[in-house]
Every structure is written in C-alpha cells, then in structure tokens.
C-alpha atoms as a PDB file:
ATOM      1  CA  ARG A   1     -50.483 -42.510  21.901  1.00  0.00           C
ATOM      2  CA  THR A   2     -47.218 -41.808  20.062  1.00  0.00           C
ATOM      3  CA  ARG A   3     -45.316 -38.481  19.292  1.00  0.00           C
ATOM      4  CA  ILE A   4     -46.177 -36.680  16.181  1.00  0.00           C
ATOM      5  CA  HIS A   5     -42.970 -36.120  14.055  1.00  0.00           C
ATOM      6  CA  PRO A   6     -41.464 -32.599  14.690  1.00  0.00           C
ATOM      7  CA  LEU A   7     -41.957 -31.507  11.188  1.00  0.00           C
ATOM      8  CA  PHE A   8     -45.344 -32.911  10.751  1.00  0.00           C
ATOM      9  CA  GLU A   9     -47.983 -30.041   9.385  1.00  0.00           C
ATOM     10  CA  GLY A  10     -50.943 -31.860   9.767  1.00  0.00           C
ATOM     11  CA  THR A  11     -51.815 -32.082   5.554  1.00  0.00           C
ATOM     12  CA  LYS A  12     -50.155 -33.724   2.727  1.00  0.00           C
ATOM     13  CA  THR A  13     -50.055 -30.479   0.280  1.00  0.00           C
ATOM     14  CA  LYS A  14     -48.022 -28.015   2.729  1.00  0.00           C
ATOM     15  CA  LYS A  15     -44.311 -28.957   2.685  1.00  0.00           C
ATOM     16  CA  SER A  16     -42.550 -28.273   6.146  1.00  0.00           C
ATOM     17  CA  LEU A  17     -40.621 -25.255   6.902  1.00  0.00           C
ATOM     18  CA  ILE A  18     -37.371 -27.111   6.519  1.00  0.00           C
ATOM     19  CA  GLN A  19     -38.365 -28.137   3.054  1.00  0.00           C
ATOM     20  CA  ARG A  20     -39.402 -24.678   2.061  1.00  0.00           C
ATOM     21  CA  LEU A  21     -35.988 -23.107   2.542  1.00  0.00           C
ATOM     22  CA  PRO A  22     -33.277 -23.254   0.344  1.00  0.00           C
ATOM     23  CA  LEU A  23     -30.206 -25.474   0.809  1.00  0.00           C
ATOM     24  CA  GLN A  24     -27.320 -22.875   1.378  1.00  0.00           C
ATOM     25  CA  ARG A  25     -24.215 -24.981   1.865  1.00  0.00           C
ATOM     26  CA  GLY A  26     -21.564 -23.611   3.591  1.00  0.00           C
ATOM     27  CA  LYS A  27     -23.223 -20.658   5.069  1.00  0.00           C
ATOM     28  CA  GLY A  28     -22.331 -19.216   8.398  1.00  0.00           C
ATOM     29  CA  LYS A  29     -19.538 -22.338   9.189  1.00  0.00           C
ATOM     30  CA  PHE A  30     -16.136 -22.616   8.242  1.00  0.00           C
ATOM     31  CA  LYS A  31     -15.186 -19.170   6.780  1.00  0.00           C
ATOM     32  CA  SER A  32     -11.941 -18.734   4.966  1.00  0.00           C
ATOM     33  CA  HIS A  33      -9.057 -17.846   7.134  1.00  0.00           C
ATOM     34  CA  LYS A  34      -7.722 -15.757   4.082  1.00  0.00           C
ATOM     35  CA  LYS A  35      -7.156 -12.189   4.817  1.00  0.00           C
ATOM     36  CA  ASN A  36      -7.674  -9.277   2.917  1.00  0.00           C
ATOM     37  CA  ALA A  37      -4.772  -7.304   1.550  1.00  0.00           C
ATOM     38  CA  VAL A  38      -4.361  -3.999   3.680  1.00  0.00           C
ATOM     39  CA  VAL A  39      -4.584  -0.935   0.910  1.00  0.00           C
ATOM     40  CA  VAL A  40      -2.067   1.518   1.273  1.00  0.00           C
ATOM     41  CA  ASN A  41      -2.178   4.571  -1.555  1.00  0.00           C
ATOM     42  CA  ILE A  42       0.675   6.387  -2.738  1.00  0.00           C
ATOM     43  CA  LYS A  43      -0.169   9.560  -1.151  1.00  0.00           C
ATOM     44  CA  TYR A  44       0.454   8.204   2.205  1.00  0.00           C
ATOM     45  CA  LEU A  45       4.139   7.146   1.016  1.00  0.00           C
ATOM     46  CA  ASP A  46       4.424  10.741   0.089  1.00  0.00           C
ATOM     47  CA  LEU A  47       4.760  11.528   4.034  1.00  0.00           C
ATOM     48  CA  LEU A  48       7.976   9.187   4.461  1.00  0.00           C
ATOM     49  CA  PRO A  49      11.281  10.889   3.961  1.00  0.00           C
ATOM     50  CA  GLU A  50      13.415  10.444   0.576  1.00  0.00           C
ATOM     51  CA  GLY A  51      15.557   7.533   0.034  1.00  0.00           C
ATOM     52  CA  THR A  52      13.525   5.309   2.295  1.00  0.00           C
ATOM     53  CA  THR A  53      13.370   1.355   1.520  1.00  0.00           C
ATOM     54  CA  VAL A  54       9.441   0.928   1.873  1.00  0.00           C
ATOM     55  CA  ASP A  55       8.405  -2.254   3.235  1.00  0.00           C
ATOM     56  CA  LEU A  56       6.210  -3.882   6.044  1.00  0.00           C
ATOM     57  CA  LYS A  57       8.401  -2.902   9.201  1.00  0.00           C
ATOM     58  CA  THR A  58       8.871   0.687   7.954  1.00  0.00           C
ATOM     59  CA  LEU A  59       5.083   0.835   7.316  1.00  0.00           C
ATOM     60  CA  ILE A  60       4.395  -0.305  10.784  1.00  0.00           C
ATOM     61  CA  LYS A  61       6.766   1.559  12.637  1.00  0.00           C
ATOM     62  CA  ARG A  62       5.761   4.939  10.878  1.00  0.00           C
ATOM     63  CA  GLY A  63       2.021   4.310  11.782  1.00  0.00           C
ATOM     64  CA  ILE A  64       0.699   4.041   8.005  1.00  0.00           C
ATOM     65  CA  VAL A  65      -0.206   0.142   8.903  1.00  0.00           C
ATOM     66  CA  VAL A  66      -1.584  -0.972  12.216  1.00  0.00           C
ATOM     67  CA  LYS A  67      -0.016  -4.100  13.516  1.00  0.00           C
ATOM     68  CA  ASP A  68      -2.534  -6.888  13.290  1.00  0.00           C
ATOM     69  CA  ILE A  69      -2.199 -10.262  15.007  1.00  0.00           C
ATOM     70  CA  GLY A  70      -1.019 -12.722  12.277  1.00  0.00           C
ATOM     71  CA  GLN A  71       0.275 -12.290   8.779  1.00  0.00           C
ATOM     72  CA  ILE A  72      -0.466  -8.783   7.123  1.00  0.00           C
ATOM     73  CA  ASN A  73      -0.619  -8.524   3.359  1.00  0.00           C
ATOM     74  CA  VAL A  74      -0.070  -4.915   2.174  1.00  0.00           C
ATOM     75  CA  LYS A  75      -0.524  -3.879  -1.466  1.00  0.00           C
ATOM     76  CA  ILE A  76       0.272  -0.519  -2.832  1.00  0.00           C
ATOM     77  CA  LEU A  77      -2.177   1.377  -4.931  1.00  0.00           C
ATOM     78  CA  GLY A  78      -1.661   4.481  -7.170  1.00  0.00           C
ATOM     79  CA  GLU A  79      -4.128   6.703  -5.836  1.00  0.00           C
ATOM     80  CA  GLY A  80      -2.485  10.406  -5.395  1.00  0.00           C
ATOM     81  CA  GLU A  81       0.645  11.331  -6.392  1.00  0.00           C
ATOM     82  CA  LEU A  82       4.708  11.122  -5.364  1.00  0.00           C
ATOM     83  CA  SER A  83       7.197  13.297  -5.268  1.00  0.00           C
ATOM     84  CA  LYS A  84      10.117  11.293  -3.573  1.00  0.00           C
ATOM     85  CA  LYS A  85      12.543   8.686  -4.649  1.00  0.00           C
ATOM     86  CA  LEU A  86      11.649   5.413  -2.714  1.00  0.00           C
ATOM     87  CA  VAL A  87      12.946   1.995  -2.952  1.00  0.00           C
ATOM     88  CA  VAL A  88       9.419  -0.252  -2.308  1.00  0.00           C
ATOM     89  CA  LYS A  89       9.616  -3.805  -1.478  1.00  0.00           C
ATOM     90  CA  LEU A  90       6.126  -4.676  -1.117  1.00  0.00           C
ATOM     91  CA  PRO A  91       3.394  -5.820  -4.120  1.00  0.00           C
ATOM     92  CA  THR A  92       2.419  -2.761  -6.094  1.00  0.00           C
ATOM     93  CA  SER A  93      -0.263  -2.237  -8.710  1.00  0.00           C
ATOM     94  CA  GLU A  94       0.639  -0.875 -12.255  1.00  0.00           C
ATOM     95  CA  THR A  95      -0.380   2.532 -11.920  1.00  0.00           C
ATOM     96  CA  ALA A  96       1.400   2.794  -8.611  1.00  0.00           C
ATOM     97  CA  ALA A  97       4.921   1.310  -9.920  1.00  0.00           C
ATOM     98  CA  GLN A  98       4.628   4.113 -13.070  1.00  0.00           C
ATOM     99  CA  LYS A  99       3.848   6.676 -10.277  1.00  0.00           C
ATOM    100  CA  ILE A 100       7.340   5.439  -8.185  1.00  0.00           C
ATOM    101  CA  LYS A 101       9.346   4.865 -11.264  1.00  0.00           C
ATOM    102  CA  LYS A 102       8.488   8.404 -12.667  1.00  0.00           C
ATOM    103  CA  ALA A 103       9.441  10.001  -9.409  1.00  0.00           C
ATOM    104  CA  GLY A 104      12.990   8.338  -9.619  1.00  0.00           C
ATOM    105  CA  GLY A 105      12.244   5.495  -7.274  1.00  0.00           C
ATOM    106  CA  GLN A 106      12.717   1.464  -7.771  1.00  0.00           C
ATOM    107  CA  VAL A 107       9.858  -1.222  -7.108  1.00  0.00           C
ATOM    108  CA  ILE A 108      11.323  -4.315  -5.622  1.00  0.00           C
ATOM    109  CA  LYS A 109       9.194  -7.385  -6.357  1.00  0.00           C
ATOM    110  CA  GLY A 110       8.763  -8.846  -2.965  1.00  0.00           C
END
C-alpha cells in the first residue's frame, strides 16, 4: 500500500484545513525593525531648570527618557503647561512648539 497524502480528508466535497484558512502574507515573520518614537510631554520638561538645552543627552541624564539599546527617537508633545524658557533641539508637535515659544523658549529643528 502507498501512503495517503497528509492533506487528504477522505472526500471530494471537503476542503483541507490549509485550503480553508486565509492566506496571510507576512504575518509573524520579518517584523519591521523600525522603532516608534518615545513620547515626552511638555509637563515633564517643566521639571528642568530654566535655560536648559533640551536634547536626547539631557533627557537621559535627568531620567526622563530611559536609555535603550539602539537608536532612540524622541518627540515632544504638547500635553501640560510650560513656565520656563528652554531651548529644545528635538522634533516637536505644533502645539508643543507654540507652548515653548509662548513661554519664551526656542525650538531648533534637529
């Protein structure tokens, strides 16, 4: 006797399990290696002393952002209020940039 094909179900009317499942291309393997940006709100920048230059090194040193393996992307968002003049050298949202400028600070694209 010969072996029966592993997908054989005994009748012509049934579809095999593999044929019934939808094809899901790319599911499970080879996920994108892109890291999402770490979000920092303005209310946390208000904890820094006035006149501070806010960049990635400053945020890691002050413990606002945890240092991770690989490159870290940080974006400043506008939740909260800012009462100090700061120089921000990170990507910001429009509302965050408006609040920083309203407090007398600067936003340097970089």
